[in-house]
Amino acid sequence: MDFSTCDICDRFKSDASGALRVFPGGRYASYGGRERFAGPIRTVRCLDDNSAVKAAVESPGEGRVLVVDGGASMHRALLGGHLAAAAARNGWAGLLIHGCVRDRAELRAADVGILALGHVPLPTDRQGQGSVDVPLQLHGLLLRPGEWLYADEDGCLVLPERLSA
């Protein structure tokens, strides 16, 4: 998919409808093998338990982007090398983790986009918790399942639907 978040922002800069939601700059670092990714959003809300993340990435991604609200916790990693490899194998375009990841070298080797707030070596303690396909509020931005996330080297943004050419 060929796009530029800067070009998208130029296109919508005068739109007062609120359709374009841009993530604040400098919050997320890129950890995956792809710098640029886009797709319809699927959501997970969890705190220091990646059970729902594991279930999602082990299912067909079909070009979607998994947005994980980990409560900005910096205590446990919600994604590591094995789950990143599963996401790539299963066709996920990317993951945005509002929390931490681990296994940085393995993440970089996975053919999937991965953005996260940070990294920590400690894994989660899976207890089967988490909510799937729920609206999320990150950095004051409302994200709904099915909306489109676009991410590249310049930033990350969300639109209600896929951009037409």
C-alpha atoms as a PDB file:
ATOM      1  CA  MET A   1       0.000   0.000   0.000  1.00  0.00           C
ATOM      2  CA  ASP A   2       1.460   3.322  -1.080  1.00  0.00           C
ATOM      3  CA  PHE A   3       0.649   6.293   1.174  1.00  0.00           C
ATOM      4  CA  SER A   4       2.279   8.999   3.229  1.00  0.00           C
ATOM      5  CA  THR A   5       0.868  10.165   6.549  1.00  0.00           C
ATOM      6  CA  CYS A   6       2.136  13.660   5.669  1.00  0.00           C
ATOM      7  CA  ASP A   7       0.170  13.598   2.405  1.00  0.00           C
ATOM      8  CA  ILE A   8      -2.930  12.361   4.230  1.00  0.00           C
ATOM      9  CA  CYS A   9      -2.605  15.194   6.747  1.00  0.00           C
ATOM     10  CA  ASP A  10      -2.187  17.704   3.884  1.00  0.00           C
ATOM     11  CA  ARG A  11      -5.364  16.344   2.325  1.00  0.00           C
ATOM     12  CA  PHE A  12      -7.377  16.681   5.560  1.00  0.00           C
ATOM     13  CA  LYS A  13      -5.711  19.742   7.154  1.00  0.00           C
ATOM     14  CA  SER A  14      -8.794  21.949   6.678  1.00  0.00           C
ATOM     15  CA  ASP A  15     -11.330  19.266   7.580  1.00  0.00           C
ATOM     16  CA  ALA A  16     -13.089  20.276  10.799  1.00  0.00           C
ATOM     17  CA  SER A  17     -15.222  17.123  10.992  1.00  0.00           C
ATOM     18  CA  GLY A  18     -12.827  15.276  13.304  1.00  0.00           C
ATOM     19  CA  ALA A  19     -12.561  12.385  10.859  1.00  0.00           C
ATOM     20  CA  LEU A  20      -8.758  12.589  10.894  1.00  0.00           C
ATOM     21  CA  ARG A  21      -7.211  11.687  14.239  1.00  0.00           C
ATOM     22  CA  VAL A  22      -3.422  12.045  14.487  1.00  0.00           C
ATOM     23  CA  PHE A  23      -1.452  10.418  17.300  1.00  0.00           C
ATOM     24  CA  PRO A  24       0.819  12.834  19.188  1.00  0.00           C
ATOM     25  CA  GLY A  25       4.350  12.783  17.798  1.00  0.00           C
ATOM     26  CA  GLY A  26       7.194  11.003  19.530  1.00  0.00           C
ATOM     27  CA  ARG A  27       5.081   8.647  21.620  1.00  0.00           C
ATOM     28  CA  TYR A  28       5.631   5.371  19.764  1.00  0.00           C
ATOM     29  CA  ALA A  29       8.833   3.712  18.583  1.00  0.00           C
ATOM     30  CA  SER A  30       8.992   1.352  15.616  1.00  0.00           C
ATOM     31  CA  TYR A  31      10.074  -2.200  16.475  1.00  0.00           C
ATOM     32  CA  GLY A  32       8.846  -4.339  13.563  1.00  0.00           C
ATOM     33  CA  GLY A  33      10.248  -5.272  10.184  1.00  0.00           C
ATOM     34  CA  ARG A  34       7.900  -2.835   8.403  1.00  0.00           C
ATOM     35  CA  GLU A  35       8.029   0.922   8.910  1.00  0.00           C
ATOM     36  CA  ARG A  36       4.885   1.570   6.872  1.00  0.00           C
ATOM     37  CA  PHE A  37       1.588  -0.244   7.388  1.00  0.00           C
ATOM     38  CA  ALA A  38      -2.133   0.363   7.194  1.00  0.00           C
ATOM     39  CA  GLY A  39      -5.353  -1.559   7.596  1.00  0.00           C
ATOM     40  CA  PRO A  40      -8.676  -1.828   9.353  1.00  0.00           C
ATOM     41  CA  ILE A  41      -8.428  -1.791  13.131  1.00  0.00           C
ATOM     42  CA  ARG A  42      -9.125  -4.651  15.477  1.00  0.00           C
ATOM     43  CA  THR A  43      -8.805  -3.810  19.174  1.00  0.00           C
ATOM     44  CA  VAL A  44      -7.727  -5.449  22.419  1.00  0.00           C
ATOM     45  CA  ARG A  45      -7.818  -3.903  25.898  1.00  0.00           C
ATOM     46  CA  CYS A  46      -5.640  -5.652  28.470  1.00  0.00           C
ATOM     47  CA  LEU A  47      -3.332  -4.829  31.363  1.00  0.00           C
ATOM     48  CA  ASP A  48      -0.165  -6.867  31.876  1.00  0.00           C
ATOM     49  CA  ASP A  49      -1.894  -9.966  30.412  1.00  0.00           C
ATOM     50  CA  ASN A  50      -1.439 -10.689  26.698  1.00  0.00           C
ATOM     51  CA  SER A  51      -3.870 -13.629  26.449  1.00  0.00           C
ATOM     52  CA  ALA A  52      -6.175 -11.723  24.076  1.00  0.00           C
ATOM     53  CA  VAL A  53      -3.198 -10.447  22.045  1.00  0.00           C
ATOM     54  CA  LYS A  54      -1.945 -14.025  21.607  1.00  0.00           C
ATOM     55  CA  ALA A  55      -5.389 -15.223  20.505  1.00  0.00           C
ATOM     56  CA  ALA A  56      -5.686 -12.368  18.007  1.00  0.00           C
ATOM     57  CA  VAL A  57      -2.294 -12.753  16.307  1.00  0.00           C
ATOM     58  CA  GLU A  58      -2.724 -16.516  16.096  1.00  0.00           C
ATOM     59  CA  SER A  59      -5.896 -15.957  14.043  1.00  0.00           C
ATOM     60  CA  PRO A  60      -6.089 -14.706  10.424  1.00  0.00           C
ATOM     61  CA  GLY A  61      -5.144 -11.027  10.286  1.00  0.00           C
ATOM     62  CA  GLU A  62      -6.374 -10.410   6.735  1.00  0.00           C
ATOM     63  CA  GLY A  63      -4.348  -7.187   6.478  1.00  0.00           C
ATOM     64  CA  ARG A  64      -5.732  -5.688   9.685  1.00  0.00           C
ATOM     65  CA  VAL A  65      -3.945  -3.679  12.361  1.00  0.00           C
ATOM     66  CA  LEU A  66      -4.237  -4.814  15.964  1.00  0.00           C
ATOM     67  CA  VAL A  67      -4.426  -1.872  18.366  1.00  0.00           C
ATOM     68  CA  VAL A  68      -3.700  -2.958  21.930  1.00  0.00           C
ATOM     69  CA  ASP A  69      -4.524  -0.697  24.869  1.00  0.00           C
ATOM     70  CA  GLY A  70      -2.189  -1.962  27.563  1.00  0.00           C
ATOM     71  CA  GLY A  71      -2.911   1.006  29.808  1.00  0.00           C
ATOM     72  CA  ALA A  72       0.536   2.454  28.959  1.00  0.00           C
ATOM     73  CA  SER A  73       1.993  -0.062  31.418  1.00  0.00           C
ATOM     74  CA  MET A  74       5.762  -0.259  31.302  1.00  0.00           C
ATOM     75  CA  HIS A  75       5.878  -3.308  33.618  1.00  0.00           C
ATOM     76  CA  ARG A  76       5.257  -6.255  31.273  1.00  0.00           C
ATOM     77  CA  ALA A  77       5.703  -6.851  27.538  1.00  0.00           C
ATOM     78  CA  LEU A  78       2.460  -7.496  25.670  1.00  0.00           C
ATOM     79  CA  LEU A  79       4.238  -8.681  22.501  1.00  0.00           C
ATOM     80  CA  GLY A  80       7.435 -10.643  21.925  1.00  0.00           C
ATOM     81  CA  GLY A  81       9.207 -12.428  19.120  1.00  0.00           C
ATOM     82  CA  HIS A  82       6.976 -15.521  18.978  1.00  0.00           C
ATOM     83  CA  LEU A  83       3.756 -13.505  18.789  1.00  0.00           C
ATOM     84  CA  ALA A  84       5.253 -11.079  16.239  1.00  0.00           C
ATOM     85  CA  ALA A  85       6.224 -14.045  14.041  1.00  0.00           C
ATOM     86  CA  ALA A  86       2.674 -15.408  14.406  1.00  0.00           C
ATOM     87  CA  ALA A  87       1.232 -12.016  13.405  1.00  0.00           C
ATOM     88  CA  ALA A  88       3.433 -11.930  10.286  1.00  0.00           C
ATOM     89  CA  ARG A  89       2.578 -15.546   9.391  1.00  0.00           C
ATOM     90  CA  ASN A  90      -1.135 -14.889   9.806  1.00  0.00           C
ATOM     91  CA  GLY A  91      -1.289 -11.791   7.611  1.00  0.00           C
ATOM     92  CA  TRP A  92      -1.506  -8.932  10.118  1.00  0.00           C
ATOM     93  CA  ALA A  93      -0.361  -5.624   8.611  1.00  0.00           C
ATOM     94  CA  GLY A  94       0.753  -4.232  11.943  1.00  0.00           C
ATOM     95  CA  LEU A  95       0.305  -3.784  15.659  1.00  0.00           C
ATOM     96  CA  LEU A  96       0.159  -0.659  17.777  1.00  0.00           C
ATOM     97  CA  ILE A  97       0.911  -1.488  21.408  1.00  0.00           C
ATOM     98  CA  HIS A  98      -0.017   1.132  24.012  1.00  0.00           C
ATOM     99  CA  GLY A  99       2.447  -0.542  26.333  1.00  0.00           C
ATOM    100  CA  CYS A 100       5.672  -2.528  26.017  1.00  0.00           C
ATOM    101  CA  VAL A 101       7.226  -5.167  23.780  1.00  0.00           C
ATOM    102  CA  ARG A 102      10.284  -7.427  24.156  1.00  0.00           C
ATOM    103  CA  ASP A 103      12.654  -9.515  22.005  1.00  0.00           C
ATOM    104  CA  ARG A 104      13.645  -6.492  19.914  1.00  0.00           C
ATOM    105  CA  ALA A 105      15.875  -8.387  17.462  1.00  0.00           C
ATOM    106  CA  GLU A 106      13.103 -10.923  16.783  1.00  0.00           C
ATOM    107  CA  LEU A 107      10.534  -8.147  16.344  1.00  0.00           C
ATOM    108  CA  ARG A 108      12.734  -6.417  13.762  1.00  0.00           C
ATOM    109  CA  ALA A 109      13.004  -9.729  11.841  1.00  0.00           C
ATOM    110  CA  ALA A 110       9.199 -10.126  11.665  1.00  0.00           C
ATOM    111  CA  ASP A 111       7.559  -8.885   8.452  1.00  0.00           C
ATOM    112  CA  VAL A 112       4.944  -6.840  10.287  1.00  0.00           C
ATOM    113  CA  GLY A 113       4.714  -3.245  11.488  1.00  0.00           C
ATOM    114  CA  ILE A 114       5.044  -2.829  15.259  1.00  0.00           C
ATOM    115  CA  LEU A 115       4.723   0.424  17.178  1.00  0.00           C
ATOM    116  CA  ALA A 116       4.986   0.496  20.976  1.00  0.00           C
ATOM    117  CA  LEU A 117       5.572   2.937  23.803  1.00  0.00           C
ATOM    118  CA  GLY A 118       8.677   1.072  24.942  1.00  0.00           C
ATOM    119  CA  HIS A 119      10.294  -2.249  25.693  1.00  0.00           C
ATOM    120  CA  VAL A 120      10.925  -4.340  28.792  1.00  0.00           C
ATOM    121  CA  PRO A 121      12.201  -7.938  29.065  1.00  0.00           C
ATOM    122  CA  LEU A 122       9.540  -9.166  31.520  1.00  0.00           C
ATOM    123  CA  PRO A 123       6.719 -11.217  29.909  1.00  0.00           C
ATOM    124  CA  THR A 124       3.109 -11.181  31.010  1.00  0.00           C
ATOM    125  CA  ASP A 125       1.470 -13.719  33.255  1.00  0.00           C
ATOM    126  CA  ARG A 126      -1.368 -15.036  31.075  1.00  0.00           C
ATOM    127  CA  GLN A 127      -4.621 -15.308  32.986  1.00  0.00           C
ATOM    128  CA  GLY A 128      -7.135 -15.190  30.133  1.00  0.00           C
ATOM    129  CA  GLN A 129      -8.100 -11.563  30.681  1.00  0.00           C
ATOM    130  CA  GLY A 130      -8.774  -8.820  28.161  1.00  0.00           C
ATOM    131  CA  SER A 131     -11.528  -7.356  26.011  1.00  0.00           C
ATOM    132  CA  VAL A 132     -11.652  -7.674  22.229  1.00  0.00           C
ATOM    133  CA  ASP A 133     -13.210  -5.417  19.570  1.00  0.00           C
ATOM    134  CA  VAL A 134     -14.109  -2.601  21.954  1.00  0.00           C
ATOM    135  CA  PRO A 135     -13.709   1.149  21.309  1.00  0.00           C
ATOM    136  CA  LEU A 136     -10.437   2.480  22.748  1.00  0.00           C
ATOM    137  CA  GLN A 137      -9.391   5.916  23.942  1.00  0.00           C
ATOM    138  CA  LEU A 138      -5.647   6.538  23.438  1.00  0.00           C
ATOM    139  CA  HIS A 139      -4.065   9.977  23.902  1.00  0.00           C
ATOM    140  CA  GLY A 140      -7.557  11.493  23.799  1.00  0.00           C
ATOM    141  CA  LEU A 141      -8.295   9.841  20.442  1.00  0.00           C
ATOM    142  CA  LEU A 142     -11.284   7.543  20.023  1.00  0.00           C
ATOM    143  CA  LEU A 143     -10.517   4.418  17.961  1.00  0.00           C
ATOM    144  CA  ARG A 144     -13.218   2.006  16.871  1.00  0.00           C
ATOM    145  CA  PRO A 145     -12.882  -1.472  15.384  1.00  0.00           C
ATOM    146  CA  GLY A 146     -13.141  -1.295  11.606  1.00  0.00           C
ATOM    147  CA  GLU A 147     -11.689   2.205  11.264  1.00  0.00           C
ATOM    148  CA  TRP A 148      -8.412   2.519   9.333  1.00  0.00           C
ATOM    149  CA  LEU A 149      -5.002   3.106  10.893  1.00  0.00           C
ATOM    150  CA  TYR A 150      -2.125   4.439   8.764  1.00  0.00           C
ATOM    151  CA  ALA A 151       1.455   4.455  10.082  1.00  0.00           C
ATOM    152  CA  ASP A 152       4.792   5.336   8.530  1.00  0.00           C
ATOM    153  CA  GLU A 153       8.106   6.957   9.464  1.00  0.00           C
ATOM    154  CA  ASP A 154       6.400  10.318  10.046  1.00  0.00           C
ATOM    155  CA  GLY A 155       3.503   9.329  12.238  1.00  0.00           C
ATOM    156  CA  CYS A 156       0.344   7.418  12.923  1.00  0.00           C
ATOM    157  CA  LEU A 157      -3.246   8.420  12.229  1.00  0.00           C
ATOM    158  CA  VAL A 158      -6.770   7.047  12.063  1.00  0.00           C
ATOM    159  CA  LEU A 159      -9.625   7.664   9.624  1.00  0.00           C
ATOM    160  CA  PRO A 160     -13.178   6.288   9.703  1.00  0.00           C
ATOM    161  CA  GLU A 161     -12.635   4.308   6.484  1.00  0.00           C
ATOM    162  CA  ARG A 162     -10.050   3.381   3.893  1.00  0.00           C
ATOM    163  CA  LEU A 163      -8.817   6.277   1.800  1.00  0.00           C
ATOM    164  CA  SER A 164      -9.844   6.282  -1.829  1.00  0.00           C
ATOM    165  CA  ALA A 165      -7.146   7.057  -4.357  1.00  0.00           C
END
